[in-house]
């Protein structure tokens, strides 16, 4: 297959795309198929690039997360975004755990709360509000330890 002209052209296209930006397997496959390459050819190119360590979904997930750290997002939304890009859920969860240590997660949590509280300005901040914020944070994928730390620090 590697001496097939379609394969050679597809591989060159894939290498150009990888040179521009880190790619994930699913995203690169979609880009190659969109350019008219057959599924068999695309699968062969993807396999070869993975063997050569030029394509790695785990590396893509970590780099993608690192590039998103400055934005106020939640672990759940980051996980969802990675999965939508074709990253396996287990790989996406592992990448989130490797990129977001306790301090990085806590910083993300505090940015999220600041943004969330701006939207709710003027509302009562009682025990019920505190409980609903804890529930929201848990639903957004923040760890229990980060949530607990935030509320302990704010008391």
N, C-alpha and C. Protein backbone atom coordinates (compact mmCIF):
# COMPACT_ATOMS: atom_id res chain seq x y z
N UNK A 1 0.82 -1.20 0.00
CA UNK A 1 0.00 0.00 0.00
C UNK A 1 0.87 1.26 0.00
N UNK A 2 2.06 1.20 0.63
CA UNK A 2 2.88 2.38 0.76
C UNK A 2 3.52 2.83 -0.56
N UNK A 3 3.49 1.98 -1.57
CA UNK A 3 4.01 2.38 -2.87
C UNK A 3 2.90 2.86 -3.78
N UNK A 4 1.70 2.80 -3.34
CA UNK A 4 0.52 3.27 -4.05
C UNK A 4 0.59 4.81 -4.14
N UNK A 5 0.39 5.39 -5.34
CA UNK A 5 0.45 6.85 -5.48
C UNK A 5 -0.56 7.59 -4.59
N UNK A 6 -1.73 7.01 -4.39
CA UNK A 6 -2.73 7.65 -3.53
C UNK A 6 -2.20 7.70 -2.09
N UNK A 7 -1.58 6.60 -1.67
CA UNK A 7 -1.03 6.54 -0.32
C UNK A 7 0.05 7.60 -0.13
N UNK A 8 0.96 7.69 -1.08
CA UNK A 8 2.07 8.65 -0.99
C UNK A 8 1.53 10.08 -0.91
N UNK A 9 0.56 10.38 -1.74
CA UNK A 9 -0.03 11.72 -1.74
C UNK A 9 -0.76 11.99 -0.41
N UNK A 10 -1.49 11.00 0.09
CA UNK A 10 -2.21 11.15 1.36
C UNK A 10 -1.23 11.33 2.51
N UNK A 11 -0.14 10.58 2.49
CA UNK A 11 0.86 10.71 3.55
C UNK A 11 1.50 12.09 3.53
N UNK A 12 1.81 12.60 2.35
CA UNK A 12 2.39 13.95 2.25
C UNK A 12 1.41 14.99 2.78
N UNK A 13 0.15 14.83 2.44
CA UNK A 13 -0.87 15.76 2.94
C UNK A 13 -0.95 15.69 4.46
N UNK A 14 -0.95 14.48 4.99
CA UNK A 14 -1.02 14.30 6.45
C UNK A 14 0.20 14.92 7.13
N UNK A 15 1.36 14.73 6.57
CA UNK A 15 2.58 15.31 7.15
C UNK A 15 2.56 16.83 7.14
N UNK A 16 2.02 17.41 6.05
CA UNK A 16 1.87 18.87 6.01
C UNK A 16 0.94 19.36 7.12
N UNK A 17 -0.16 18.64 7.34
CA UNK A 17 -1.11 19.01 8.38
C UNK A 17 -0.48 18.88 9.77
N UNK A 18 0.27 17.82 9.98
CA UNK A 18 0.93 17.60 11.27
C UNK A 18 1.99 18.66 11.52
N UNK A 19 2.66 19.09 10.46
CA UNK A 19 3.68 20.12 10.59
C UNK A 19 3.08 21.44 11.06
N UNK A 20 1.88 21.74 10.58
CA UNK A 20 1.21 22.99 10.96
C UNK A 20 0.72 22.98 12.40
N UNK A 21 0.15 21.84 12.83
CA UNK A 21 -0.42 21.75 14.18
C UNK A 21 -0.55 20.29 14.57
N UNK A 22 -0.46 20.06 15.89
CA UNK A 22 -0.66 18.70 16.42
C UNK A 22 -2.05 18.22 15.97
N UNK A 23 -2.13 16.96 15.60
CA UNK A 23 -3.39 16.38 15.12
C UNK A 23 -3.77 15.18 15.96
N UNK A 24 -5.05 14.88 16.00
CA UNK A 24 -5.50 13.62 16.60
C UNK A 24 -5.90 12.69 15.45
N UNK A 25 -5.97 11.41 15.74
CA UNK A 25 -6.25 10.44 14.68
C UNK A 25 -7.58 10.72 13.99
N UNK A 26 -8.63 10.94 14.78
CA UNK A 26 -9.95 11.17 14.19
C UNK A 26 -10.00 12.42 13.35
N UNK A 27 -9.41 13.48 13.85
CA UNK A 27 -9.40 14.75 13.12
C UNK A 27 -8.62 14.66 11.82
N UNK A 28 -7.47 14.02 11.88
CA UNK A 28 -6.66 13.87 10.68
C UNK A 28 -7.36 12.98 9.66
N UNK A 29 -7.99 11.91 10.14
CA UNK A 29 -8.73 11.02 9.23
C UNK A 29 -9.84 11.80 8.53
N UNK A 30 -10.58 12.61 9.27
CA UNK A 30 -11.66 13.40 8.66
C UNK A 30 -11.11 14.36 7.61
N UNK A 31 -9.99 14.99 7.92
CA UNK A 31 -9.40 15.95 6.98
C UNK A 31 -8.94 15.25 5.69
N UNK A 32 -8.35 14.07 5.85
CA UNK A 32 -7.89 13.34 4.66
C UNK A 32 -9.07 12.82 3.83
N UNK A 33 -10.09 12.30 4.51
CA UNK A 33 -11.27 11.81 3.79
C UNK A 33 -11.97 12.95 3.07
N UNK A 34 -12.00 14.12 3.70
CA UNK A 34 -12.62 15.30 3.09
C UNK A 34 -11.89 15.70 1.81
N UNK A 35 -10.60 15.40 1.77
CA UNK A 35 -9.79 15.71 0.58
C UNK A 35 -9.91 14.63 -0.49
N UNK A 36 -10.73 13.61 -0.22
CA UNK A 36 -11.02 12.61 -1.25
C UNK A 36 -10.24 11.31 -1.18
N UNK A 37 -9.47 11.10 -0.14
CA UNK A 37 -8.72 9.86 -0.02
C UNK A 37 -9.64 8.75 0.48
N UNK A 38 -9.41 7.53 0.00
CA UNK A 38 -10.25 6.40 0.40
C UNK A 38 -10.03 6.06 1.88
N UNK A 39 -11.04 5.45 2.46
CA UNK A 39 -10.97 5.07 3.88
C UNK A 39 -9.80 4.12 4.13
N UNK A 40 -9.59 3.18 3.23
CA UNK A 40 -8.49 2.21 3.39
C UNK A 40 -7.15 2.93 3.38
N UNK A 41 -6.99 3.87 2.47
CA UNK A 41 -5.75 4.63 2.37
C UNK A 41 -5.55 5.47 3.64
N UNK A 42 -6.60 6.13 4.08
CA UNK A 42 -6.52 6.96 5.28
C UNK A 42 -6.13 6.12 6.49
N UNK A 43 -6.77 4.96 6.65
CA UNK A 43 -6.45 4.07 7.77
C UNK A 43 -5.00 3.63 7.74
N UNK A 44 -4.50 3.35 6.55
CA UNK A 44 -3.11 2.92 6.40
C UNK A 44 -2.15 4.06 6.77
N UNK A 45 -2.45 5.27 6.31
CA UNK A 45 -1.60 6.42 6.63
C UNK A 45 -1.62 6.69 8.13
N UNK A 46 -2.80 6.67 8.71
CA UNK A 46 -2.93 6.92 10.16
C UNK A 46 -2.13 5.88 10.95
N UNK A 47 -2.25 4.62 10.58
CA UNK A 47 -1.51 3.56 11.27
C UNK A 47 0.00 3.79 11.19
N UNK A 48 0.45 4.12 10.01
CA UNK A 48 1.90 4.35 9.81
C UNK A 48 2.39 5.54 10.63
N UNK A 49 1.63 6.63 10.64
CA UNK A 49 2.04 7.81 11.39
C UNK A 49 2.04 7.54 12.90
N UNK A 50 1.12 6.70 13.34
CA UNK A 50 1.11 6.31 14.76
C UNK A 50 2.34 5.46 15.10
N UNK A 51 2.67 4.52 14.21
CA UNK A 51 3.86 3.69 14.41
C UNK A 51 5.12 4.55 14.51
N UNK A 52 5.16 5.61 13.71
CA UNK A 52 6.31 6.51 13.68
C UNK A 52 6.27 7.53 14.82
N UNK A 53 5.23 7.46 15.65
CA UNK A 53 5.05 8.38 16.79
C UNK A 53 4.85 9.83 16.35
N UNK A 54 4.40 10.02 15.12
CA UNK A 54 4.10 11.36 14.64
C UNK A 54 2.67 11.76 14.95
N UNK A 55 1.87 10.77 15.29
CA UNK A 55 0.46 10.97 15.61
C UNK A 55 0.18 10.22 16.90
N UNK A 56 -0.30 10.96 17.90
CA UNK A 56 -0.52 10.36 19.22
C UNK A 56 -1.67 11.11 19.89
N UNK A 57 -2.79 10.42 20.08
CA UNK A 57 -3.97 11.06 20.67
C UNK A 57 -3.73 11.53 22.09
N UNK A 58 -2.95 10.80 22.86
CA UNK A 58 -2.67 11.22 24.24
C UNK A 58 -1.86 12.52 24.25
N UNK A 59 -0.88 12.61 23.39
CA UNK A 59 -0.08 13.84 23.29
C UNK A 59 -0.95 15.00 22.82
N UNK A 60 -1.79 14.74 21.81
CA UNK A 60 -2.69 15.77 21.31
C UNK A 60 -3.58 16.29 22.44
N UNK A 61 -4.16 15.37 23.22
CA UNK A 61 -5.07 15.76 24.30
C UNK A 61 -4.36 16.64 25.33
N UNK A 62 -3.15 16.24 25.73
CA UNK A 62 -2.41 17.04 26.72
C UNK A 62 -2.09 18.43 26.17
N UNK A 63 -1.60 18.50 24.94
CA UNK A 63 -1.26 19.80 24.35
C UNK A 63 -2.49 20.67 24.15
N UNK A 64 -3.58 20.05 23.73
CA UNK A 64 -4.82 20.80 23.53
C UNK A 64 -5.30 21.38 24.86
N UNK A 65 -5.25 20.57 25.92
CA UNK A 65 -5.67 21.06 27.24
C UNK A 65 -4.77 22.19 27.73
N UNK A 66 -3.47 22.03 27.56
CA UNK A 66 -2.54 23.06 27.99
C UNK A 66 -2.81 24.39 27.29
N UNK A 67 -3.21 24.31 26.03
CA UNK A 67 -3.51 25.54 25.29
C UNK A 67 -4.83 26.17 25.73
N UNK A 68 -5.67 25.41 26.41
CA UNK A 68 -6.97 25.92 26.87
C UNK A 68 -6.98 26.31 28.35
N UNK A 69 -5.89 26.15 29.05
CA UNK A 69 -5.86 26.40 30.49
C UNK A 69 -6.18 27.84 30.85
N UNK A 70 -5.84 28.78 30.00
CA UNK A 70 -6.07 30.18 30.35
C UNK A 70 -7.54 30.58 30.17
N UNK A 71 -8.31 29.77 29.48
CA UNK A 71 -9.73 30.06 29.30
C UNK A 71 -10.52 29.48 30.46
N UNK A 72 -11.59 30.14 30.81
CA UNK A 72 -12.43 29.62 31.89
C UNK A 72 -13.32 28.54 31.31
N UNK A 73 -12.94 27.33 31.55
CA UNK A 73 -13.72 26.17 31.15
C UNK A 73 -13.75 25.23 32.32
N UNK A 74 -14.57 24.24 32.23
CA UNK A 74 -14.68 23.28 33.32
C UNK A 74 -14.14 21.94 32.87
N UNK A 75 -13.74 21.08 33.80
CA UNK A 75 -13.25 19.76 33.42
C UNK A 75 -14.26 18.98 32.56
N UNK A 76 -15.54 19.09 32.89
CA UNK A 76 -16.56 18.36 32.12
C UNK A 76 -16.60 18.86 30.68
N UNK A 77 -16.53 20.17 30.50
CA UNK A 77 -16.57 20.71 29.14
C UNK A 77 -15.30 20.40 28.37
N UNK A 78 -14.17 20.41 29.06
CA UNK A 78 -12.92 20.04 28.39
C UNK A 78 -12.97 18.58 27.96
N UNK A 79 -13.47 17.72 28.84
CA UNK A 79 -13.60 16.29 28.52
C UNK A 79 -14.52 16.11 27.32
N UNK A 80 -15.63 16.79 27.35
CA UNK A 80 -16.59 16.71 26.25
C UNK A 80 -15.97 17.18 24.93
N UNK A 81 -15.22 18.27 24.99
CA UNK A 81 -14.57 18.79 23.78
C UNK A 81 -13.54 17.82 23.21
N UNK A 82 -12.77 17.19 24.10
CA UNK A 82 -11.79 16.21 23.63
C UNK A 82 -12.50 15.01 22.99
N UNK A 83 -13.54 14.53 23.62
CA UNK A 83 -14.28 13.38 23.08
C UNK A 83 -14.91 13.74 21.73
N UNK A 84 -15.38 14.97 21.59
CA UNK A 84 -15.95 15.42 20.31
C UNK A 84 -14.89 15.46 19.21
N UNK A 85 -13.63 15.59 19.59
CA UNK A 85 -12.54 15.59 18.62
C UNK A 85 -12.06 14.19 18.30
N UNK A 86 -12.72 13.20 18.89
CA UNK A 86 -12.39 11.81 18.59
C UNK A 86 -11.42 11.17 19.56
N UNK A 87 -11.11 11.84 20.65
CA UNK A 87 -10.21 11.27 21.65
C UNK A 87 -11.00 10.30 22.51
N UNK A 88 -10.46 9.13 22.73
CA UNK A 88 -11.07 8.12 23.58
C UNK A 88 -11.30 8.71 24.97
N UNK A 89 -12.44 8.40 25.59
CA UNK A 89 -12.80 8.99 26.88
C UNK A 89 -11.73 8.71 27.96
N UNK A 90 -11.21 7.47 27.99
CA UNK A 90 -10.17 7.14 28.98
C UNK A 90 -8.91 7.97 28.76
N UNK A 91 -8.52 8.14 27.49
CA UNK A 91 -7.34 8.97 27.19
C UNK A 91 -7.60 10.44 27.56
N UNK A 92 -8.82 10.91 27.31
CA UNK A 92 -9.17 12.29 27.64
C UNK A 92 -9.14 12.51 29.15
N UNK A 93 -9.69 11.57 29.91
CA UNK A 93 -9.68 11.69 31.37
C UNK A 93 -8.25 11.64 31.91
N UNK A 94 -7.43 10.77 31.34
CA UNK A 94 -6.03 10.69 31.78
C UNK A 94 -5.28 11.99 31.47
N UNK A 95 -5.57 12.57 30.31
CA UNK A 95 -4.92 13.84 29.95
C UNK A 95 -5.33 14.95 30.91
N UNK A 96 -6.59 14.99 31.26
CA UNK A 96 -7.07 16.02 32.20
C UNK A 96 -6.37 15.85 33.54
N UNK A 97 -6.25 14.61 34.00
CA UNK A 97 -5.57 14.37 35.28
C UNK A 97 -4.10 14.75 35.22
N UNK A 98 -3.46 14.52 34.07
CA UNK A 98 -2.03 14.83 33.97
C UNK A 98 -1.78 16.34 33.82
N UNK A 99 -2.67 17.05 33.18
CA UNK A 99 -2.48 18.48 32.95
C UNK A 99 -2.94 19.31 34.13
N UNK A 100 -4.05 18.92 34.74
CA UNK A 100 -4.61 19.70 35.82
C UNK A 100 -4.25 19.09 37.17
N UNK A 101 -3.10 19.51 37.70
CA UNK A 101 -2.76 19.12 39.06
C UNK A 101 -3.69 19.89 40.01
N UNK A 102 -3.52 19.70 41.31
CA UNK A 102 -4.42 20.33 42.28
C UNK A 102 -4.46 21.85 42.13
N UNK A 103 -3.30 22.46 41.95
CA UNK A 103 -3.25 23.93 41.86
C UNK A 103 -3.90 24.44 40.57
N UNK A 104 -3.64 23.75 39.47
CA UNK A 104 -4.23 24.17 38.19
C UNK A 104 -5.75 24.01 38.22
N UNK A 105 -6.22 22.92 38.82
CA UNK A 105 -7.67 22.72 38.92
C UNK A 105 -8.30 23.77 39.82
N UNK A 106 -7.62 24.08 40.93
CA UNK A 106 -8.16 25.08 41.85
C UNK A 106 -8.22 26.45 41.17
N UNK A 107 -7.21 26.79 40.39
CA UNK A 107 -7.22 28.07 39.65
C UNK A 107 -8.37 28.09 38.65
N UNK A 108 -8.59 26.99 37.97
CA UNK A 108 -9.70 26.88 37.02
C UNK A 108 -11.03 27.03 37.75
N UNK A 109 -11.16 26.39 38.90
CA UNK A 109 -12.38 26.47 39.70
C UNK A 109 -12.64 27.91 40.14
N UNK A 110 -11.63 28.61 40.61
CA UNK A 110 -11.85 29.99 41.07
C UNK A 110 -12.22 30.91 39.91
N UNK A 111 -11.60 30.71 38.74
CA UNK A 111 -11.98 31.51 37.56
C UNK A 111 -13.42 31.23 37.17
N UNK A 112 -13.81 29.96 37.22
CA UNK A 112 -15.18 29.59 36.89
C UNK A 112 -16.17 30.24 37.86
N UNK A 113 -15.85 30.22 39.15
CA UNK A 113 -16.75 30.81 40.15
C UNK A 113 -16.86 32.32 39.94
N UNK A 114 -15.75 32.99 39.66
CA UNK A 114 -15.80 34.44 39.41
C UNK A 114 -16.69 34.76 38.22
N UNK A 115 -16.51 34.00 37.16
CA UNK A 115 -17.33 34.22 35.97
C UNK A 115 -18.79 33.93 36.28
N UNK A 116 -19.04 32.84 36.99
CA UNK A 116 -20.41 32.45 37.33
C UNK A 116 -21.05 33.48 38.25
N UNK A 117 -20.29 34.00 39.21
CA UNK A 117 -20.86 34.95 40.17
C UNK A 117 -21.17 36.29 39.51
N UNK A 118 -20.42 36.68 38.47
CA UNK A 118 -20.75 37.91 37.73
C UNK A 118 -22.12 37.81 37.08
N UNK A 119 -22.45 36.61 36.63
CA UNK A 119 -23.76 36.40 35.99
C UNK A 119 -24.89 36.46 37.00
N UNK A 120 -24.59 36.12 38.27
CA UNK A 120 -25.63 36.05 39.29
C UNK A 120 -25.58 37.23 40.25
N UNK A 121 -24.97 38.34 39.86
CA UNK A 121 -24.83 39.51 40.72
C UNK A 121 -26.19 39.96 41.27
N UNK A 122 -26.18 40.34 42.53
CA UNK A 122 -27.40 40.86 43.13
C UNK A 122 -28.28 39.81 43.77
N UNK A 123 -27.96 38.55 43.62
CA UNK A 123 -28.78 37.50 44.22
C UNK A 123 -28.26 37.18 45.61
N UNK A 124 -29.12 36.61 46.44
CA UNK A 124 -28.73 36.25 47.81
C UNK A 124 -27.61 35.23 47.79
N UNK A 125 -26.71 35.37 48.76
CA UNK A 125 -25.61 34.42 48.87
C UNK A 125 -25.72 33.71 50.20
N UNK A 126 -26.72 32.94 50.36
CA UNK A 126 -26.95 32.22 51.61
C UNK A 126 -26.49 30.79 51.50
N UNK A 127 -26.92 30.00 52.46
CA UNK A 127 -26.55 28.59 52.51
C UNK A 127 -27.08 27.83 51.30
N UNK A 128 -28.29 28.16 50.87
CA UNK A 128 -28.87 27.49 49.70
C UNK A 128 -28.05 27.79 48.45
N UNK A 129 -27.59 29.04 48.34
CA UNK A 129 -26.77 29.42 47.19
C UNK A 129 -25.44 28.67 47.22
N UNK A 130 -24.88 28.54 48.42
CA UNK A 130 -23.63 27.81 48.59
C UNK A 130 -23.80 26.35 48.20
N UNK A 131 -24.90 25.76 48.61
CA UNK A 131 -25.19 24.37 48.27
C UNK A 131 -25.38 24.20 46.76
N UNK A 132 -26.08 25.15 46.15
CA UNK A 132 -26.31 25.04 44.71
C UNK A 132 -25.00 25.23 43.94
N UNK A 133 -24.10 26.10 44.45
CA UNK A 133 -22.80 26.28 43.80
C UNK A 133 -21.97 25.01 43.91
N UNK A 134 -21.98 24.37 45.06
CA UNK A 134 -21.26 23.11 45.23
C UNK A 134 -21.77 22.06 44.25
N UNK A 135 -23.09 22.00 44.11
CA UNK A 135 -23.70 21.04 43.18
C UNK A 135 -23.27 21.35 41.74
N UNK A 136 -23.30 22.64 41.38
CA UNK A 136 -22.89 23.05 40.03
C UNK A 136 -21.44 22.67 39.77
N UNK A 137 -20.56 22.96 40.74
CA UNK A 137 -19.15 22.64 40.58
C UNK A 137 -18.92 21.14 40.42
N UNK A 138 -19.64 20.36 41.19
CA UNK A 138 -19.52 18.89 41.07
C UNK A 138 -19.99 18.45 39.69
N UNK A 139 -21.10 19.01 39.22
CA UNK A 139 -21.62 18.66 37.89
C UNK A 139 -20.67 19.07 36.77
N UNK A 140 -19.92 20.12 37.00
CA UNK A 140 -18.98 20.60 35.98
C UNK A 140 -17.67 19.82 36.00
N UNK A 141 -17.56 18.85 36.90
CA UNK A 141 -16.41 17.95 36.89
C UNK A 141 -15.27 18.32 37.81
N UNK A 142 -15.46 19.31 38.67
CA UNK A 142 -14.40 19.66 39.61
C UNK A 142 -14.33 18.61 40.71
N UNK A 143 -13.13 18.36 41.21
CA UNK A 143 -12.94 17.33 42.23
C UNK A 143 -13.49 17.81 43.57
N UNK A 144 -13.88 16.85 44.40
CA UNK A 144 -14.40 17.16 45.73
C UNK A 144 -13.37 17.91 46.56
N UNK A 145 -12.09 17.56 46.40
CA UNK A 145 -11.05 18.23 47.19
C UNK A 145 -10.91 19.70 46.81
N UNK A 146 -11.02 20.02 45.52
CA UNK A 146 -10.93 21.42 45.10
C UNK A 146 -12.15 22.22 45.58
N UNK A 147 -13.31 21.60 45.50
CA UNK A 147 -14.54 22.27 45.97
C UNK A 147 -14.45 22.53 47.47
N UNK A 148 -14.05 21.51 48.20
CA UNK A 148 -13.91 21.64 49.65
C UNK A 148 -12.89 22.73 49.99
N UNK A 149 -11.77 22.74 49.29
CA UNK A 149 -10.73 23.75 49.55
C UNK A 149 -11.26 25.15 49.32
N UNK A 150 -12.01 25.33 48.24
CA UNK A 150 -12.55 26.66 47.94
C UNK A 150 -13.45 27.15 49.08
N UNK A 151 -14.35 26.28 49.53
CA UNK A 151 -15.28 26.70 50.57
C UNK A 151 -14.61 26.85 51.93
N UNK A 152 -13.58 26.07 52.19
CA UNK A 152 -12.82 26.24 53.44
C UNK A 152 -12.05 27.56 53.43
N UNK A 153 -11.45 27.90 52.27
CA UNK A 153 -10.69 29.14 52.15
C UNK A 153 -11.59 30.37 52.24
N UNK A 154 -12.83 30.25 51.77
CA UNK A 154 -13.71 31.42 51.74
C UNK A 154 -14.45 31.64 53.05
N UNK A 155 -14.31 30.72 54.00
CA UNK A 155 -15.00 30.89 55.30
C UNK A 155 -14.24 31.79 56.23
